[in-house]
N, C-alpha and C. Protein backbone atom coordinates (compact mmCIF):
# COMPACT_ATOMS: atom_id res chain seq x y z
N MET A 1 -32.77 -21.70 6.75
CA MET A 1 -33.66 -21.80 7.87
C MET A 1 -35.08 -21.71 7.34
N ALA A 2 -35.94 -22.57 7.80
CA ALA A 2 -37.33 -22.61 7.34
C ALA A 2 -38.20 -21.69 8.18
N HIS A 3 -39.17 -21.09 7.55
CA HIS A 3 -40.14 -20.23 8.24
C HIS A 3 -41.53 -20.74 7.92
N ALA A 4 -42.43 -20.58 8.87
CA ALA A 4 -43.82 -20.98 8.66
C ALA A 4 -44.49 -20.04 7.67
N ALA A 5 -45.25 -20.61 6.78
CA ALA A 5 -45.99 -19.81 5.81
C ALA A 5 -47.25 -19.29 6.46
N PRO A 6 -47.65 -18.06 6.14
CA PRO A 6 -48.89 -17.54 6.71
C PRO A 6 -50.10 -18.32 6.19
N ALA A 7 -51.09 -18.44 7.04
CA ALA A 7 -52.31 -19.14 6.66
C ALA A 7 -53.10 -18.29 5.67
N PRO A 8 -53.84 -18.94 4.79
CA PRO A 8 -54.63 -18.18 3.81
C PRO A 8 -55.65 -17.27 4.50
N GLY A 9 -55.75 -16.06 4.04
CA GLY A 9 -56.71 -15.12 4.58
C GLY A 9 -56.25 -14.40 5.85
N MET A 10 -55.11 -14.72 6.38
CA MET A 10 -54.60 -14.09 7.60
C MET A 10 -53.58 -13.03 7.22
N ARG A 11 -53.69 -11.86 7.83
CA ARG A 11 -52.72 -10.80 7.60
C ARG A 11 -52.03 -10.50 8.91
N PRO A 12 -50.71 -10.34 8.92
CA PRO A 12 -50.02 -10.01 10.17
C PRO A 12 -50.37 -8.60 10.63
N ARG A 13 -50.41 -8.42 11.95
CA ARG A 13 -50.68 -7.10 12.52
C ARG A 13 -49.44 -6.23 12.42
N THR A 14 -49.64 -4.94 12.26
CA THR A 14 -48.53 -4.00 12.27
C THR A 14 -48.83 -2.93 13.29
N THR A 15 -47.78 -2.27 13.77
CA THR A 15 -47.93 -1.17 14.72
C THR A 15 -47.46 0.11 14.08
N ALA A 16 -47.86 1.24 14.65
CA ALA A 16 -47.47 2.53 14.11
C ALA A 16 -45.97 2.78 14.31
N ILE A 17 -45.42 2.26 15.40
CA ILE A 17 -44.00 2.50 15.69
C ILE A 17 -43.12 1.74 14.72
N THR A 18 -43.46 0.50 14.46
CA THR A 18 -42.65 -0.34 13.59
C THR A 18 -43.42 -0.65 12.32
N ALA A 19 -43.81 0.38 11.59
CA ALA A 19 -44.64 0.22 10.42
C ALA A 19 -44.00 -0.78 9.46
N GLY A 20 -44.78 -1.78 9.12
CA GLY A 20 -44.31 -2.77 8.18
C GLY A 20 -43.81 -4.05 8.83
N THR A 21 -43.48 -4.05 10.10
CA THR A 21 -43.01 -5.27 10.75
C THR A 21 -44.17 -5.92 11.49
N THR A 22 -44.10 -7.22 11.65
CA THR A 22 -45.19 -7.95 12.30
C THR A 22 -44.95 -8.02 13.80
N THR A 23 -46.03 -8.12 14.55
CA THR A 23 -45.97 -8.31 15.99
C THR A 23 -46.86 -9.47 16.36
N THR A 24 -46.65 -10.02 17.52
CA THR A 24 -47.50 -11.10 17.98
C THR A 24 -48.82 -10.53 18.47
N PRO A 25 -49.90 -11.25 18.33
CA PRO A 25 -51.20 -10.74 18.78
C PRO A 25 -51.28 -10.72 20.30
N ASP A 26 -52.04 -9.77 20.82
CA ASP A 26 -52.27 -9.69 22.25
C ASP A 26 -53.44 -10.61 22.59
N VAL A 27 -53.15 -11.74 23.20
CA VAL A 27 -54.16 -12.75 23.46
C VAL A 27 -55.09 -12.32 24.58
N PHE A 28 -54.54 -11.68 25.62
CA PHE A 28 -55.33 -11.30 26.77
C PHE A 28 -55.80 -9.86 26.65
N GLY A 29 -56.90 -9.54 27.30
CA GLY A 29 -57.46 -8.21 27.26
C GLY A 29 -56.80 -7.29 28.28
N ALA A 30 -57.26 -6.04 28.30
CA ALA A 30 -56.70 -5.03 29.20
C ALA A 30 -56.97 -5.39 30.66
N ARG A 31 -58.13 -5.96 30.93
CA ARG A 31 -58.47 -6.34 32.32
C ARG A 31 -57.53 -7.42 32.84
N THR A 32 -57.22 -8.40 32.01
CA THR A 32 -56.31 -9.47 32.40
C THR A 32 -54.92 -8.93 32.68
N HIS A 33 -54.46 -8.00 31.83
CA HIS A 33 -53.14 -7.40 32.05
C HIS A 33 -53.11 -6.58 33.34
N LEU A 34 -54.20 -5.89 33.66
CA LEU A 34 -54.26 -5.11 34.89
C LEU A 34 -54.23 -6.02 36.11
N ILE A 35 -54.96 -7.12 36.06
CA ILE A 35 -54.94 -8.07 37.18
C ILE A 35 -53.55 -8.67 37.35
N ALA A 36 -52.92 -9.05 36.24
CA ALA A 36 -51.58 -9.64 36.31
C ALA A 36 -50.56 -8.62 36.80
N LYS A 37 -50.77 -7.35 36.46
CA LYS A 37 -49.84 -6.30 36.89
C LYS A 37 -49.78 -6.20 38.41
N TRP A 38 -50.90 -6.43 39.08
CA TRP A 38 -50.92 -6.34 40.55
C TRP A 38 -50.84 -7.70 41.22
N ALA A 39 -51.26 -8.75 40.56
CA ALA A 39 -51.19 -10.09 41.16
C ALA A 39 -49.75 -10.60 41.21
N THR A 40 -48.96 -10.26 40.22
CA THR A 40 -47.57 -10.74 40.18
C THR A 40 -46.77 -10.29 41.40
N PRO A 41 -46.73 -8.98 41.73
CA PRO A 41 -45.96 -8.60 42.92
C PRO A 41 -46.53 -9.17 44.21
N VAL A 42 -47.85 -9.34 44.29
CA VAL A 42 -48.44 -9.90 45.51
C VAL A 42 -48.02 -11.36 45.69
N VAL A 43 -48.10 -12.13 44.64
CA VAL A 43 -47.72 -13.55 44.73
C VAL A 43 -46.22 -13.68 45.02
N ILE A 44 -45.40 -12.93 44.29
CA ILE A 44 -43.96 -12.99 44.53
C ILE A 44 -43.63 -12.50 45.94
N GLY A 45 -44.32 -11.47 46.41
CA GLY A 45 -44.10 -10.95 47.76
C GLY A 45 -44.47 -11.96 48.83
N LEU A 46 -45.58 -12.67 48.65
CA LEU A 46 -45.97 -13.69 49.63
C LEU A 46 -44.97 -14.84 49.67
N VAL A 47 -44.49 -15.25 48.51
CA VAL A 47 -43.47 -16.30 48.48
C VAL A 47 -42.19 -15.81 49.15
N TYR A 48 -41.82 -14.56 48.87
CA TYR A 48 -40.61 -13.98 49.47
C TYR A 48 -40.76 -13.88 51.00
N GLY A 49 -41.92 -13.44 51.48
CA GLY A 49 -42.15 -13.34 52.91
C GLY A 49 -42.11 -14.69 53.59
N TYR A 50 -42.70 -15.71 52.96
CA TYR A 50 -42.64 -17.06 53.52
C TYR A 50 -41.20 -17.56 53.57
N TRP A 51 -40.45 -17.29 52.51
CA TRP A 51 -39.06 -17.73 52.43
C TRP A 51 -38.23 -17.06 53.52
N ALA A 52 -38.42 -15.75 53.72
CA ALA A 52 -37.68 -15.03 54.76
C ALA A 52 -38.04 -15.55 56.15
N ALA A 53 -39.32 -15.81 56.38
CA ALA A 53 -39.75 -16.33 57.68
C ALA A 53 -39.19 -17.73 57.92
N ALA A 54 -39.15 -18.55 56.89
CA ALA A 54 -38.60 -19.90 57.02
C ALA A 54 -37.10 -19.82 57.30
N ASN A 55 -36.40 -18.91 56.65
CA ASN A 55 -34.96 -18.74 56.91
C ASN A 55 -34.72 -18.27 58.34
N GLN A 56 -35.57 -17.40 58.83
CA GLN A 56 -35.36 -16.83 60.16
C GLN A 56 -35.59 -17.86 61.27
N ARG A 57 -36.54 -18.75 61.09
CA ARG A 57 -36.83 -19.71 62.16
C ARG A 57 -35.90 -20.91 62.15
N HIS A 58 -35.05 -21.06 61.12
CA HIS A 58 -34.04 -22.12 61.03
C HIS A 58 -34.66 -23.51 61.18
N GLY A 59 -35.82 -23.74 60.61
CA GLY A 59 -36.46 -25.05 60.67
C GLY A 59 -37.17 -25.34 61.97
N GLY A 60 -37.26 -24.37 62.84
CA GLY A 60 -37.95 -24.56 64.12
C GLY A 60 -39.45 -24.43 63.96
N PRO A 61 -40.16 -24.37 65.08
CA PRO A 61 -41.62 -24.28 65.02
C PRO A 61 -42.09 -22.91 64.52
N VAL A 62 -43.23 -22.91 63.90
CA VAL A 62 -43.83 -21.66 63.42
C VAL A 62 -44.49 -20.98 64.61
N THR A 63 -44.15 -19.70 64.81
CA THR A 63 -44.73 -18.93 65.90
C THR A 63 -45.52 -17.75 65.33
N GLY A 64 -46.25 -17.09 66.18
CA GLY A 64 -47.00 -15.91 65.75
C GLY A 64 -46.08 -14.80 65.27
N TRP A 65 -44.96 -14.60 65.97
CA TRP A 65 -44.01 -13.58 65.55
C TRP A 65 -43.39 -13.91 64.21
N ASN A 66 -43.19 -15.19 63.96
CA ASN A 66 -42.63 -15.62 62.68
C ASN A 66 -43.61 -15.35 61.55
N ILE A 67 -44.88 -15.60 61.79
CA ILE A 67 -45.91 -15.31 60.78
C ILE A 67 -46.00 -13.81 60.55
N LEU A 68 -45.99 -13.03 61.61
CA LEU A 68 -46.02 -11.57 61.48
C LEU A 68 -44.80 -11.08 60.69
N PHE A 69 -43.63 -11.61 61.01
CA PHE A 69 -42.42 -11.24 60.28
C PHE A 69 -42.57 -11.54 58.79
N GLY A 70 -43.13 -12.69 58.45
CA GLY A 70 -43.31 -13.06 57.05
C GLY A 70 -44.26 -12.11 56.33
N PHE A 71 -45.37 -11.75 56.97
CA PHE A 71 -46.32 -10.85 56.32
C PHE A 71 -45.78 -9.43 56.20
N VAL A 72 -45.07 -8.95 57.22
CA VAL A 72 -44.47 -7.61 57.12
C VAL A 72 -43.41 -7.60 56.03
N THR A 73 -42.61 -8.64 55.96
CA THR A 73 -41.60 -8.74 54.90
C THR A 73 -42.27 -8.75 53.53
N ALA A 74 -43.37 -9.49 53.40
CA ALA A 74 -44.10 -9.54 52.12
C ALA A 74 -44.65 -8.17 51.75
N LEU A 75 -45.21 -7.44 52.72
CA LEU A 75 -45.75 -6.11 52.44
C LEU A 75 -44.66 -5.14 51.99
N VAL A 76 -43.53 -5.17 52.68
CA VAL A 76 -42.42 -4.29 52.31
C VAL A 76 -41.91 -4.64 50.92
N PHE A 77 -41.78 -5.94 50.64
CA PHE A 77 -41.32 -6.38 49.32
C PHE A 77 -42.28 -5.92 48.23
N ILE A 78 -43.58 -6.08 48.45
CA ILE A 78 -44.57 -5.68 47.45
C ILE A 78 -44.50 -4.18 47.21
N GLY A 79 -44.38 -3.39 48.27
CA GLY A 79 -44.27 -1.94 48.12
C GLY A 79 -43.03 -1.52 47.36
N LEU A 80 -41.90 -2.12 47.70
CA LEU A 80 -40.65 -1.78 47.00
C LEU A 80 -40.69 -2.24 45.55
N TYR A 81 -41.25 -3.42 45.30
CA TYR A 81 -41.36 -3.93 43.94
C TYR A 81 -42.20 -2.97 43.09
N ALA A 82 -43.33 -2.54 43.63
CA ALA A 82 -44.20 -1.61 42.88
C ALA A 82 -43.51 -0.28 42.64
N ALA A 83 -42.76 0.21 43.63
CA ALA A 83 -42.04 1.47 43.47
C ALA A 83 -40.94 1.35 42.42
N VAL A 84 -40.19 0.28 42.46
CA VAL A 84 -39.12 0.08 41.47
C VAL A 84 -39.72 -0.07 40.08
N ARG A 85 -40.82 -0.80 39.95
CA ARG A 85 -41.45 -0.97 38.64
C ARG A 85 -41.96 0.37 38.10
N ALA A 86 -42.48 1.22 38.98
CA ALA A 86 -42.99 2.52 38.54
C ALA A 86 -41.85 3.45 38.14
N LEU A 87 -40.76 3.43 38.90
CA LEU A 87 -39.64 4.33 38.61
C LEU A 87 -38.77 3.84 37.47
N ALA A 88 -38.50 2.56 37.41
CA ALA A 88 -37.53 2.03 36.46
C ALA A 88 -37.94 2.23 35.01
N SER A 89 -39.22 2.14 34.74
CA SER A 89 -39.67 2.27 33.35
C SER A 89 -39.45 3.67 32.79
N ARG A 90 -39.23 4.66 33.63
CA ARG A 90 -39.01 6.04 33.18
C ARG A 90 -37.52 6.38 33.03
N MET A 91 -36.66 5.46 33.40
CA MET A 91 -35.22 5.72 33.41
C MET A 91 -34.57 5.26 32.10
N ARG A 92 -33.36 5.77 31.88
CA ARG A 92 -32.56 5.29 30.76
C ARG A 92 -32.16 3.85 31.03
N ARG A 93 -31.73 3.16 29.99
CA ARG A 93 -31.46 1.72 30.12
C ARG A 93 -30.43 1.39 31.18
N GLU A 94 -29.39 2.24 31.36
CA GLU A 94 -28.37 1.96 32.36
C GLU A 94 -28.94 2.05 33.77
N VAL A 95 -29.67 3.12 34.03
CA VAL A 95 -30.26 3.32 35.36
C VAL A 95 -31.39 2.32 35.59
N HIS A 96 -32.12 2.00 34.54
CA HIS A 96 -33.20 1.02 34.63
C HIS A 96 -32.64 -0.33 35.09
N ALA A 97 -31.58 -0.77 34.43
CA ALA A 97 -30.96 -2.05 34.79
C ALA A 97 -30.33 -1.97 36.18
N LEU A 98 -29.71 -0.85 36.51
CA LEU A 98 -29.07 -0.68 37.82
C LEU A 98 -30.10 -0.70 38.95
N LEU A 99 -31.25 -0.09 38.74
CA LEU A 99 -32.29 -0.05 39.76
C LEU A 99 -32.83 -1.46 40.04
N TRP A 100 -33.11 -2.23 38.99
CA TRP A 100 -33.58 -3.60 39.21
C TRP A 100 -32.49 -4.48 39.80
N ALA A 101 -31.24 -4.26 39.41
CA ALA A 101 -30.14 -5.06 39.97
C ALA A 101 -29.95 -4.75 41.45
N ALA A 102 -30.05 -3.48 41.83
CA ALA A 102 -29.92 -3.12 43.24
C ALA A 102 -31.07 -3.72 44.06
N PHE A 103 -32.27 -3.66 43.53
CA PHE A 103 -33.41 -4.26 44.22
C PHE A 103 -33.21 -5.76 44.41
N THR A 104 -32.79 -6.44 43.36
CA THR A 104 -32.56 -7.88 43.43
C THR A 104 -31.44 -8.21 44.41
N GLY A 105 -30.34 -7.45 44.36
CA GLY A 105 -29.23 -7.69 45.28
C GLY A 105 -29.64 -7.49 46.73
N CYS A 106 -30.39 -6.45 47.00
CA CYS A 106 -30.86 -6.21 48.37
C CYS A 106 -31.80 -7.32 48.83
N ALA A 107 -32.70 -7.76 47.96
CA ALA A 107 -33.64 -8.82 48.31
C ALA A 107 -32.90 -10.13 48.61
N VAL A 108 -31.93 -10.48 47.78
CA VAL A 108 -31.16 -11.71 48.00
C VAL A 108 -30.32 -11.58 49.26
N GLY A 109 -29.68 -10.43 49.45
CA GLY A 109 -28.87 -10.21 50.65
C GLY A 109 -29.68 -10.32 51.92
N PHE A 110 -30.91 -9.81 51.91
CA PHE A 110 -31.77 -9.91 53.09
C PHE A 110 -32.12 -11.36 53.37
N LEU A 111 -32.45 -12.12 52.33
CA LEU A 111 -32.77 -13.54 52.53
C LEU A 111 -31.57 -14.30 53.10
N ILE A 112 -30.39 -14.03 52.59
CA ILE A 112 -29.19 -14.70 53.08
C ILE A 112 -28.91 -14.30 54.53
N SER A 113 -29.14 -13.03 54.86
CA SER A 113 -28.86 -12.58 56.23
C SER A 113 -29.78 -13.23 57.25
N GLN A 114 -30.98 -13.64 56.83
CA GLN A 114 -31.92 -14.29 57.75
C GLN A 114 -31.49 -15.71 58.12
N THR A 115 -30.55 -16.27 57.40
CA THR A 115 -30.08 -17.62 57.71
C THR A 115 -29.05 -17.62 58.83
N GLY A 116 -28.59 -16.45 59.24
CA GLY A 116 -27.57 -16.36 60.27
C GLY A 116 -26.16 -16.27 59.70
N ALA A 117 -26.05 -16.11 58.39
CA ALA A 117 -24.74 -15.99 57.76
C ALA A 117 -24.11 -14.66 58.14
N SER A 118 -22.81 -14.56 57.95
CA SER A 118 -22.10 -13.33 58.29
C SER A 118 -22.50 -12.20 57.34
N VAL A 119 -22.23 -10.99 57.77
CA VAL A 119 -22.56 -9.82 56.96
C VAL A 119 -21.76 -9.84 55.66
N LEU A 120 -20.49 -10.22 55.74
CA LEU A 120 -19.67 -10.26 54.54
C LEU A 120 -20.18 -11.31 53.55
N ASN A 121 -20.59 -12.45 54.05
CA ASN A 121 -21.15 -13.48 53.18
C ASN A 121 -22.43 -12.99 52.52
N SER A 122 -23.31 -12.38 53.29
CA SER A 122 -24.57 -11.86 52.73
C SER A 122 -24.31 -10.79 51.69
N ALA A 123 -23.41 -9.88 52.02
CA ALA A 123 -23.11 -8.79 51.08
C ALA A 123 -22.43 -9.31 49.83
N GLY A 124 -21.53 -10.26 49.98
CA GLY A 124 -20.83 -10.81 48.82
C GLY A 124 -21.78 -11.51 47.86
N ILE A 125 -22.67 -12.32 48.39
CA ILE A 125 -23.64 -13.01 47.54
C ILE A 125 -24.59 -12.00 46.90
N ALA A 126 -25.00 -10.98 47.66
CA ALA A 126 -25.91 -9.96 47.13
C ALA A 126 -25.25 -9.19 45.99
N VAL A 127 -23.99 -8.81 46.16
CA VAL A 127 -23.29 -8.06 45.11
C VAL A 127 -23.10 -8.93 43.87
N ALA A 128 -22.77 -10.20 44.07
CA ALA A 128 -22.60 -11.11 42.93
C ALA A 128 -23.91 -11.27 42.16
N CYS A 129 -25.01 -11.45 42.88
CA CYS A 129 -26.32 -11.57 42.22
C CYS A 129 -26.70 -10.28 41.50
N ALA A 130 -26.46 -9.15 42.14
CA ALA A 130 -26.80 -7.86 41.53
C ALA A 130 -25.96 -7.62 40.27
N ALA A 131 -24.68 -7.96 40.32
CA ALA A 131 -23.82 -7.76 39.15
C ALA A 131 -24.26 -8.63 37.98
N GLY A 132 -24.57 -9.88 38.25
CA GLY A 132 -25.05 -10.75 37.19
C GLY A 132 -26.37 -10.29 36.61
N TRP A 133 -27.27 -9.89 37.47
CA TRP A 133 -28.58 -9.42 37.03
C TRP A 133 -28.46 -8.13 36.25
N PHE A 134 -27.53 -7.25 36.65
CA PHE A 134 -27.30 -6.01 35.91
C PHE A 134 -26.85 -6.33 34.49
N GLY A 135 -25.92 -7.27 34.35
CA GLY A 135 -25.45 -7.64 33.02
C GLY A 135 -26.57 -8.17 32.14
N VAL A 136 -27.40 -9.04 32.68
CA VAL A 136 -28.52 -9.61 31.92
C VAL A 136 -29.51 -8.51 31.53
N LEU A 137 -29.89 -7.67 32.46
CA LEU A 137 -30.89 -6.64 32.18
C LEU A 137 -30.36 -5.56 31.24
N PHE A 138 -29.11 -5.16 31.42
CA PHE A 138 -28.55 -4.14 30.53
C PHE A 138 -28.53 -4.66 29.10
N TYR A 139 -28.13 -5.91 28.94
CA TYR A 139 -28.12 -6.50 27.59
C TYR A 139 -29.53 -6.52 27.00
N ARG A 140 -30.51 -6.91 27.81
CA ARG A 140 -31.88 -6.96 27.32
C ARG A 140 -32.38 -5.57 26.93
N TYR A 141 -32.18 -4.58 27.80
CA TYR A 141 -32.67 -3.24 27.50
C TYR A 141 -31.90 -2.62 26.34
N TYR A 142 -30.62 -2.91 26.24
CA TYR A 142 -29.81 -2.35 25.15
C TYR A 142 -30.24 -2.92 23.81
N THR A 143 -30.59 -4.20 23.77
CA THR A 143 -30.98 -4.81 22.50
C THR A 143 -32.44 -4.58 22.15
N HIS A 144 -33.21 -3.97 23.04
CA HIS A 144 -34.61 -3.70 22.75
C HIS A 144 -34.89 -2.21 22.63
N GLU A 145 -33.88 -1.44 22.22
CA GLU A 145 -34.05 -0.01 21.98
C GLU A 145 -33.49 0.34 20.62
N ASP A 146 -34.01 1.44 20.05
CA ASP A 146 -33.46 1.91 18.79
C ASP A 146 -32.28 2.84 19.06
N ALA A 147 -31.74 3.47 18.05
CA ALA A 147 -30.53 4.29 18.19
C ALA A 147 -30.77 5.52 19.07
N GLU A 148 -32.00 6.02 19.14
CA GLU A 148 -32.29 7.20 19.96
C GLU A 148 -32.62 6.85 21.40
N GLY A 149 -32.70 5.57 21.74
CA GLY A 149 -33.00 5.17 23.11
C GLY A 149 -34.47 4.93 23.38
N HIS A 150 -35.30 4.86 22.34
CA HIS A 150 -36.72 4.57 22.51
C HIS A 150 -36.94 3.07 22.51
N ARG A 151 -37.74 2.60 23.43
CA ARG A 151 -38.01 1.16 23.52
C ARG A 151 -38.81 0.71 22.32
N ILE A 152 -38.40 -0.41 21.76
CA ILE A 152 -39.09 -0.95 20.59
C ILE A 152 -40.36 -1.65 21.02
N PHE A 153 -40.28 -2.48 22.10
CA PHE A 153 -41.45 -3.13 22.67
C PHE A 153 -41.23 -3.43 24.09
């Protein structure tokens, strides 16, 4: 397997945690990361609120109550997303993955329930999504920790 040769005069960055290994440079500054930290849940929440409102009206006309429902749904989603993000990072990898999987399953189940589907259908799809997401996240968190359970990056 071929690897790119370092450019002349360039030295790879190292961190104190992984002394001797290279890391990718941080292209954006702290201000950009702070903006992205709060802009991401807001944008995702607005899309989620619009999606829930569109599911609820079943392709009918947009009403004031439908718009209100979309914005309230977006606010609740943003609040829960921020709470899960704040709590999950302090948990062990199993609970961390379980918390995000439960959040994702509930969010998907709510969207499905707004279409008028049965409760069993909504719950079944939500559990299937949560189980798949748990598997993906557990694998990611498990492979990004050292033997003592400390996150590598």
